[in-house]
């Protein structure tokens, strides 16, 4: 059985809803899943997982949350080469540029993208939550 981490940061609860759906999808196909907020994940833990899903909403001018999430993610980057990962998050404005930039950053780090990133505007509706479950299944 593979072991997956779903690591997220959420201020409004939208990305948290998405994270729970990602975890549900991975569990549905028999994976062991650890669902945790950014504050509970250290870069050293990355080696404990077969795959990691990272979730963060767009902030400011379409960037990752800068106080908690981005420092944690930056610390993980040297662990991503060859690691199977997936990305998800919500946004309130813009066109998803933060996610395209983040995906490119991960590819430059050598990460193996298990699924196309999942984004939604504001509160995730049924289609977005289903896409998150599919992301979790693909990550497994």
N, C-alpha and C. Protein backbone atom coordinates (compact mmCIF):
# COMPACT_ATOMS: atom_id res chain seq x y z
N UNK A 1 0.84 -1.17 0.00
CA UNK A 1 0.00 0.00 0.00
C UNK A 1 0.89 1.24 0.00
N UNK A 2 0.55 2.18 -0.87
CA UNK A 2 1.35 3.40 -0.90
C UNK A 2 0.87 4.38 0.17
N UNK A 3 1.77 5.26 0.54
CA UNK A 3 1.50 6.24 1.59
C UNK A 3 1.60 7.64 0.97
N UNK A 4 0.53 8.40 1.14
CA UNK A 4 0.43 9.72 0.52
C UNK A 4 0.20 10.79 1.58
N UNK A 5 0.83 11.95 1.37
CA UNK A 5 0.56 13.13 2.21
C UNK A 5 -0.26 14.11 1.39
N UNK A 6 -1.27 14.68 2.01
CA UNK A 6 -2.04 15.78 1.43
C UNK A 6 -1.79 16.96 2.35
N UNK A 7 -1.00 17.92 1.86
CA UNK A 7 -0.55 19.05 2.66
C UNK A 7 -1.17 20.32 2.08
N UNK A 8 -1.83 21.10 2.92
CA UNK A 8 -2.53 22.27 2.39
C UNK A 8 -2.48 23.45 3.35
N UNK A 9 -2.76 24.63 2.80
CA UNK A 9 -2.98 25.85 3.57
C UNK A 9 -4.30 26.43 3.09
N UNK A 10 -5.14 26.86 4.03
CA UNK A 10 -6.45 27.39 3.66
C UNK A 10 -6.85 28.46 4.66
N UNK A 11 -7.31 29.60 4.15
CA UNK A 11 -7.78 30.65 5.07
C UNK A 11 -9.31 30.69 5.10
N UNK A 12 -9.96 30.37 4.01
CA UNK A 12 -11.42 30.46 3.95
C UNK A 12 -12.11 29.10 4.05
N UNK A 13 -11.33 28.04 3.95
CA UNK A 13 -11.90 26.70 3.98
C UNK A 13 -12.06 26.08 2.60
N UNK A 14 -11.92 26.87 1.55
CA UNK A 14 -12.09 26.34 0.19
C UNK A 14 -11.02 25.30 -0.15
N UNK A 15 -9.77 25.63 0.09
CA UNK A 15 -8.69 24.69 -0.22
C UNK A 15 -8.73 23.51 0.73
N UNK A 16 -9.19 23.72 1.95
CA UNK A 16 -9.36 22.60 2.89
C UNK A 16 -10.39 21.60 2.36
N UNK A 17 -11.50 22.10 1.82
CA UNK A 17 -12.51 21.21 1.22
C UNK A 17 -11.88 20.39 0.09
N UNK A 18 -11.07 21.05 -0.71
CA UNK A 18 -10.41 20.36 -1.83
C UNK A 18 -9.45 19.29 -1.30
N UNK A 19 -8.71 19.64 -0.25
CA UNK A 19 -7.75 18.69 0.34
C UNK A 19 -8.45 17.44 0.84
N UNK A 20 -9.58 17.62 1.48
CA UNK A 20 -10.33 16.47 1.99
C UNK A 20 -10.81 15.58 0.84
N UNK A 21 -11.19 16.20 -0.28
CA UNK A 21 -11.62 15.41 -1.44
C UNK A 21 -10.44 14.67 -2.06
N UNK A 22 -9.26 15.28 -2.11
CA UNK A 22 -8.06 14.61 -2.61
C UNK A 22 -7.77 13.39 -1.74
N UNK A 23 -7.79 13.59 -0.43
CA UNK A 23 -7.54 12.49 0.51
C UNK A 23 -8.56 11.37 0.33
N UNK A 24 -9.81 11.74 0.16
CA UNK A 24 -10.88 10.76 -0.05
C UNK A 24 -10.62 9.92 -1.30
N UNK A 25 -10.23 10.58 -2.39
CA UNK A 25 -9.94 9.86 -3.63
C UNK A 25 -8.82 8.86 -3.47
N UNK A 26 -7.75 9.26 -2.78
CA UNK A 26 -6.62 8.35 -2.57
C UNK A 26 -7.02 7.18 -1.67
N UNK A 27 -7.81 7.46 -0.64
CA UNK A 27 -8.27 6.40 0.26
C UNK A 27 -9.18 5.42 -0.47
N UNK A 28 -9.98 5.94 -1.40
CA UNK A 28 -10.91 5.09 -2.15
C UNK A 28 -10.20 4.02 -2.97
N UNK A 29 -8.94 4.25 -3.31
CA UNK A 29 -8.19 3.25 -4.07
C UNK A 29 -7.16 2.53 -3.19
N UNK A 30 -7.35 2.63 -1.88
CA UNK A 30 -6.57 1.82 -0.95
C UNK A 30 -5.28 2.40 -0.42
N UNK A 31 -5.07 3.69 -0.57
CA UNK A 31 -3.84 4.32 -0.05
C UNK A 31 -3.98 4.70 1.41
N UNK A 32 -2.86 4.70 2.08
CA UNK A 32 -2.78 5.28 3.42
C UNK A 32 -2.53 6.76 3.21
N UNK A 33 -3.35 7.61 3.83
CA UNK A 33 -3.28 9.05 3.59
C UNK A 33 -3.12 9.81 4.90
N UNK A 34 -2.17 10.73 4.92
CA UNK A 34 -2.03 11.68 6.02
C UNK A 34 -2.45 13.04 5.49
N UNK A 35 -3.53 13.58 6.04
CA UNK A 35 -4.04 14.90 5.67
C UNK A 35 -3.56 15.88 6.73
N UNK A 36 -2.85 16.93 6.31
CA UNK A 36 -2.32 17.86 7.30
C UNK A 36 -2.18 19.27 6.74
N UNK A 37 -2.29 20.21 7.65
CA UNK A 37 -2.06 21.60 7.29
C UNK A 37 -0.56 21.84 7.18
N UNK A 38 -0.22 22.92 6.52
CA UNK A 38 1.18 23.28 6.29
C UNK A 38 2.02 23.23 7.56
N UNK A 39 1.47 23.73 8.65
CA UNK A 39 2.23 23.81 9.91
C UNK A 39 2.63 22.44 10.44
N UNK A 40 1.97 21.38 9.99
CA UNK A 40 2.28 20.04 10.46
C UNK A 40 3.23 19.26 9.57
N UNK A 41 3.77 19.93 8.54
CA UNK A 41 4.62 19.22 7.58
C UNK A 41 5.99 19.88 7.48
N UNK A 42 7.01 19.10 7.71
CA UNK A 42 8.39 19.56 7.57
C UNK A 42 9.01 18.87 6.36
N UNK A 43 9.95 19.53 5.71
CA UNK A 43 10.59 18.98 4.51
C UNK A 43 11.14 17.58 4.76
N UNK A 44 11.65 17.31 5.96
CA UNK A 44 12.23 16.01 6.27
C UNK A 44 11.20 14.89 6.14
N UNK A 45 9.91 15.22 6.29
CA UNK A 45 8.85 14.22 6.19
C UNK A 45 8.61 13.76 4.75
N UNK A 46 9.06 14.52 3.78
CA UNK A 46 8.78 14.19 2.37
C UNK A 46 9.25 12.79 2.02
N UNK A 47 10.36 12.37 2.58
CA UNK A 47 10.91 11.05 2.27
C UNK A 47 10.04 9.91 2.81
N UNK A 48 9.14 10.20 3.72
CA UNK A 48 8.28 9.18 4.31
C UNK A 48 7.10 8.81 3.40
N UNK A 49 6.91 9.57 2.32
CA UNK A 49 5.73 9.39 1.46
C UNK A 49 6.10 8.99 0.04
N UNK A 50 5.25 8.15 -0.53
CA UNK A 50 5.42 7.76 -1.94
C UNK A 50 5.01 8.90 -2.86
N UNK A 51 4.08 9.72 -2.42
CA UNK A 51 3.59 10.84 -3.21
C UNK A 51 3.02 11.90 -2.28
N UNK A 52 2.97 13.14 -2.80
CA UNK A 52 2.46 14.26 -2.00
C UNK A 52 1.56 15.13 -2.87
N UNK A 53 0.41 15.48 -2.32
CA UNK A 53 -0.46 16.49 -2.93
C UNK A 53 -0.31 17.76 -2.13
N UNK A 54 -0.03 18.86 -2.80
CA UNK A 54 0.12 20.16 -2.16
C UNK A 54 -1.05 21.05 -2.57
N UNK A 55 -1.68 21.71 -1.60
CA UNK A 55 -2.79 22.60 -1.90
C UNK A 55 -2.59 23.98 -1.29
N UNK A 56 -2.77 25.00 -2.14
CA UNK A 56 -2.62 26.38 -1.66
C UNK A 56 -3.45 27.29 -2.57
N UNK A 57 -4.20 28.22 -1.97
CA UNK A 57 -4.94 29.17 -2.79
C UNK A 57 -4.03 30.25 -3.35
N UNK A 58 -4.55 30.95 -4.34
CA UNK A 58 -3.85 32.12 -4.86
C UNK A 58 -4.00 33.25 -3.85
N UNK A 59 -2.94 33.98 -3.65
CA UNK A 59 -2.95 35.11 -2.73
C UNK A 59 -2.45 36.35 -3.48
N UNK A 60 -2.79 37.52 -2.98
CA UNK A 60 -2.27 38.76 -3.54
C UNK A 60 -2.34 38.82 -5.05
N UNK A 61 -1.20 39.03 -5.67
CA UNK A 61 -1.11 39.12 -7.13
C UNK A 61 -0.86 37.73 -7.71
N UNK A 62 -1.71 36.77 -7.34
CA UNK A 62 -1.61 35.39 -7.79
C UNK A 62 -0.25 34.76 -7.45
N UNK A 63 -0.01 34.63 -6.16
CA UNK A 63 1.18 33.94 -5.66
C UNK A 63 0.74 32.97 -4.57
N UNK A 64 1.64 32.06 -4.21
CA UNK A 64 1.39 31.16 -3.09
C UNK A 64 1.37 31.96 -1.79
N UNK A 65 0.64 31.50 -0.80
CA UNK A 65 0.60 32.16 0.51
C UNK A 65 2.03 32.27 1.03
N UNK A 66 2.44 33.49 1.38
CA UNK A 66 3.85 33.79 1.62
C UNK A 66 4.37 33.60 3.04
N UNK A 67 3.51 33.55 4.04
CA UNK A 67 3.98 33.47 5.42
C UNK A 67 4.20 32.03 5.88
N UNK A 68 3.30 31.13 5.49
CA UNK A 68 3.41 29.74 5.95
C UNK A 68 3.66 28.76 4.81
N UNK A 69 2.83 28.83 3.76
CA UNK A 69 2.91 27.81 2.74
C UNK A 69 4.20 27.89 1.91
N UNK A 70 4.49 29.05 1.34
CA UNK A 70 5.65 29.14 0.46
C UNK A 70 6.96 28.79 1.18
N UNK A 71 7.19 29.23 2.42
CA UNK A 71 8.43 28.80 3.10
C UNK A 71 8.50 27.29 3.28
N UNK A 72 7.37 26.65 3.63
CA UNK A 72 7.35 25.20 3.78
C UNK A 72 7.63 24.54 2.44
N UNK A 73 6.97 25.01 1.39
CA UNK A 73 7.15 24.41 0.07
C UNK A 73 8.59 24.60 -0.42
N UNK A 74 9.14 25.78 -0.25
CA UNK A 74 10.53 26.05 -0.65
C UNK A 74 11.48 25.08 0.04
N UNK A 75 11.25 24.82 1.32
CA UNK A 75 12.09 23.89 2.06
C UNK A 75 11.98 22.47 1.51
N UNK A 76 10.85 22.14 0.89
CA UNK A 76 10.63 20.80 0.34
C UNK A 76 11.22 20.63 -1.07
N UNK A 77 11.51 21.71 -1.73
CA UNK A 77 11.86 21.62 -3.15
C UNK A 77 13.03 20.70 -3.47
N UNK A 78 14.03 20.64 -2.61
CA UNK A 78 15.16 19.76 -2.92
C UNK A 78 14.80 18.29 -2.73
N UNK A 79 13.61 17.99 -2.22
CA UNK A 79 13.14 16.62 -2.04
C UNK A 79 12.20 16.19 -3.18
N UNK A 80 11.91 17.07 -4.12
CA UNK A 80 10.90 16.79 -5.13
C UNK A 80 11.41 16.07 -6.37
N UNK A 81 12.70 16.06 -6.60
CA UNK A 81 13.22 15.41 -7.81
C UNK A 81 12.85 13.93 -7.81
N UNK A 82 12.08 13.53 -8.82
CA UNK A 82 11.65 12.15 -8.94
C UNK A 82 10.45 11.80 -8.08
N UNK A 83 9.97 12.73 -7.26
CA UNK A 83 8.82 12.50 -6.37
C UNK A 83 7.52 12.74 -7.14
N UNK A 84 6.57 11.84 -6.97
CA UNK A 84 5.25 11.98 -7.58
C UNK A 84 4.44 12.96 -6.74
N UNK A 85 3.98 14.05 -7.38
CA UNK A 85 3.21 15.07 -6.67
C UNK A 85 2.00 15.48 -7.48
N UNK A 86 1.11 16.23 -6.84
CA UNK A 86 -0.03 16.85 -7.50
C UNK A 86 -0.32 18.16 -6.79
N UNK A 87 -0.93 19.11 -7.50
CA UNK A 87 -1.20 20.44 -6.98
C UNK A 87 -2.68 20.78 -7.10
N UNK A 88 -3.19 21.53 -6.14
CA UNK A 88 -4.58 21.98 -6.18
C UNK A 88 -4.72 23.27 -5.39
N UNK A 89 -5.79 24.02 -5.65
CA UNK A 89 -6.05 25.23 -4.89
C UNK A 89 -7.19 26.03 -5.48
N UNK A 90 -7.65 27.00 -4.72
CA UNK A 90 -8.74 27.86 -5.14
C UNK A 90 -8.22 29.29 -5.33
N UNK A 91 -9.02 30.08 -6.01
CA UNK A 91 -8.65 31.47 -6.24
C UNK A 91 -9.90 32.31 -6.29
N UNK A 92 -9.74 33.61 -6.11
CA UNK A 92 -10.88 34.50 -6.13
C UNK A 92 -10.85 35.49 -7.28
N UNK A 93 -9.72 35.59 -7.95
CA UNK A 93 -9.54 36.55 -9.03
C UNK A 93 -8.46 36.02 -9.95
N UNK A 94 -8.23 36.70 -11.04
CA UNK A 94 -7.19 36.29 -11.96
C UNK A 94 -7.62 35.14 -12.85
N UNK A 95 -6.62 34.48 -13.43
CA UNK A 95 -6.92 33.41 -14.38
C UNK A 95 -6.17 32.11 -14.09
N UNK A 96 -5.63 31.99 -12.89
CA UNK A 96 -4.91 30.77 -12.54
C UNK A 96 -3.41 30.84 -12.78
N UNK A 97 -2.90 32.04 -12.98
CA UNK A 97 -1.46 32.21 -13.24
C UNK A 97 -0.61 31.61 -12.12
N UNK A 98 -1.06 31.76 -10.86
CA UNK A 98 -0.28 31.23 -9.74
C UNK A 98 -0.07 29.73 -9.88
N UNK A 99 -1.09 29.02 -10.36
CA UNK A 99 -0.98 27.58 -10.50
C UNK A 99 -0.05 27.20 -11.65
N UNK A 100 -0.13 27.92 -12.76
CA UNK A 100 0.78 27.65 -13.88
C UNK A 100 2.23 27.89 -13.46
N UNK A 101 2.46 28.98 -12.74
CA UNK A 101 3.81 29.28 -12.25
C UNK A 101 4.30 28.21 -11.28
N UNK A 102 3.41 27.77 -10.40
CA UNK A 102 3.75 26.75 -9.40
C UNK A 102 4.06 25.42 -10.07
N UNK A 103 3.24 25.04 -11.03
CA UNK A 103 3.48 23.79 -11.75
C UNK A 103 4.83 23.83 -12.47
N UNK A 104 5.14 24.94 -13.10
CA UNK A 104 6.43 25.08 -13.79
C UNK A 104 7.58 24.98 -12.79
N UNK A 105 7.43 25.60 -11.67
CA UNK A 105 8.43 25.53 -10.59
C UNK A 105 8.68 24.08 -10.18
N UNK A 106 7.61 23.31 -10.03
CA UNK A 106 7.72 21.90 -9.63
C UNK A 106 8.42 21.07 -10.71
N UNK A 107 8.09 21.35 -11.95
CA UNK A 107 8.73 20.61 -13.06
C UNK A 107 10.22 20.91 -13.09
N UNK A 108 10.60 22.17 -12.85
CA UNK A 108 12.02 22.54 -12.80
C UNK A 108 12.73 21.84 -11.64
N UNK A 109 11.98 21.56 -10.57
CA UNK A 109 12.54 20.83 -9.43
C UNK A 109 12.69 19.34 -9.71
N UNK A 110 12.15 18.88 -10.85
CA UNK A 110 12.25 17.47 -11.20
C UNK A 110 11.11 16.62 -10.68
N UNK A 111 10.05 17.25 -10.18
CA UNK A 111 8.90 16.51 -9.67
C UNK A 111 8.18 15.80 -10.82
N UNK A 112 7.56 14.69 -10.50
CA UNK A 112 6.76 13.95 -11.46
C UNK A 112 5.31 14.32 -11.20
N UNK A 113 4.70 15.02 -12.13
CA UNK A 113 3.32 15.46 -11.96
C UNK A 113 2.38 14.29 -12.23
N UNK A 114 1.65 13.86 -11.21
CA UNK A 114 0.76 12.70 -11.32
C UNK A 114 -0.55 13.04 -12.00
N UNK A 115 -0.90 14.31 -12.03
CA UNK A 115 -2.20 14.73 -12.54
C UNK A 115 -2.12 16.21 -12.87
N UNK A 116 -2.92 16.66 -13.79
CA UNK A 116 -3.00 18.08 -14.07
C UNK A 116 -3.51 18.80 -12.81
N UNK A 117 -2.97 19.96 -12.47
CA UNK A 117 -3.45 20.67 -11.28
C UNK A 117 -4.96 20.92 -11.34
N UNK A 118 -5.57 20.94 -10.17
CA UNK A 118 -7.00 21.23 -10.07
C UNK A 118 -7.16 22.58 -9.40
N UNK A 119 -7.87 23.48 -10.07
CA UNK A 119 -8.17 24.79 -9.49
C UNK A 119 -9.66 25.05 -9.60
N UNK A 120 -10.14 25.89 -8.71
CA UNK A 120 -11.53 26.33 -8.80
C UNK A 120 -11.62 27.75 -8.28
N UNK A 121 -12.62 28.46 -8.76
CA UNK A 121 -12.82 29.83 -8.29
C UNK A 121 -13.77 29.80 -7.10
N UNK A 122 -13.30 30.39 -5.99
CA UNK A 122 -14.08 30.48 -4.75
C UNK A 122 -14.38 29.09 -4.18
N UNK A 123 -15.59 28.87 -3.70
CA UNK A 123 -15.96 27.62 -3.05
C UNK A 123 -16.07 26.50 -4.09
N UNK A 124 -15.40 25.36 -3.84
CA UNK A 124 -15.46 24.27 -4.82
C UNK A 124 -16.88 23.68 -4.90
N UNK A 125 -17.34 23.54 -6.13
CA UNK A 125 -18.63 22.90 -6.36
C UNK A 125 -18.38 21.41 -6.63
N UNK A 126 -19.45 20.68 -6.90
CA UNK A 126 -19.35 19.23 -7.07
C UNK A 126 -18.31 18.83 -8.11
N UNK A 127 -18.27 19.53 -9.25
CA UNK A 127 -17.32 19.16 -10.32
C UNK A 127 -15.87 19.32 -9.84
N UNK A 128 -15.60 20.38 -9.12
CA UNK A 128 -14.23 20.60 -8.62
C UNK A 128 -13.87 19.56 -7.57
N UNK A 129 -14.80 19.22 -6.70
CA UNK A 129 -14.52 18.20 -5.68
C UNK A 129 -14.31 16.84 -6.32
N UNK A 130 -15.07 16.54 -7.36
CA UNK A 130 -14.87 15.28 -8.08
C UNK A 130 -13.49 15.27 -8.76
N UNK A 131 -13.08 16.40 -9.33
CA UNK A 131 -11.76 16.51 -9.94
C UNK A 131 -10.67 16.28 -8.87
N UNK A 132 -10.90 16.77 -7.67
CA UNK A 132 -9.94 16.55 -6.57
C UNK A 132 -9.87 15.08 -6.19
N UNK A 133 -11.02 14.41 -6.16
CA UNK A 133 -10.99 12.97 -5.87
C UNK A 133 -10.22 12.22 -6.94
N UNK A 134 -10.41 12.60 -8.20
CA UNK A 134 -9.67 11.98 -9.32
C UNK A 134 -8.17 12.26 -9.18
N UNK A 135 -7.82 13.45 -8.74
CA UNK A 135 -6.42 13.81 -8.49
C UNK A 135 -5.84 12.87 -7.44
N UNK A 136 -6.59 12.66 -6.36
CA UNK A 136 -6.14 11.75 -5.30
C UNK A 136 -5.96 10.32 -5.82
N UNK A 137 -6.88 9.86 -6.65
CA UNK A 137 -6.76 8.53 -7.24
C UNK A 137 -5.52 8.43 -8.12
N UNK A 138 -5.28 9.45 -8.93
CA UNK A 138 -4.12 9.45 -9.82
C UNK A 138 -2.81 9.48 -9.03
N UNK A 139 -2.82 10.18 -7.93
CA UNK A 139 -1.62 10.28 -7.09
C UNK A 139 -1.28 8.92 -6.48
N UNK A 140 -2.34 8.13 -6.22
CA UNK A 140 -2.15 6.79 -5.64
C UNK A 140 -1.48 5.89 -6.64
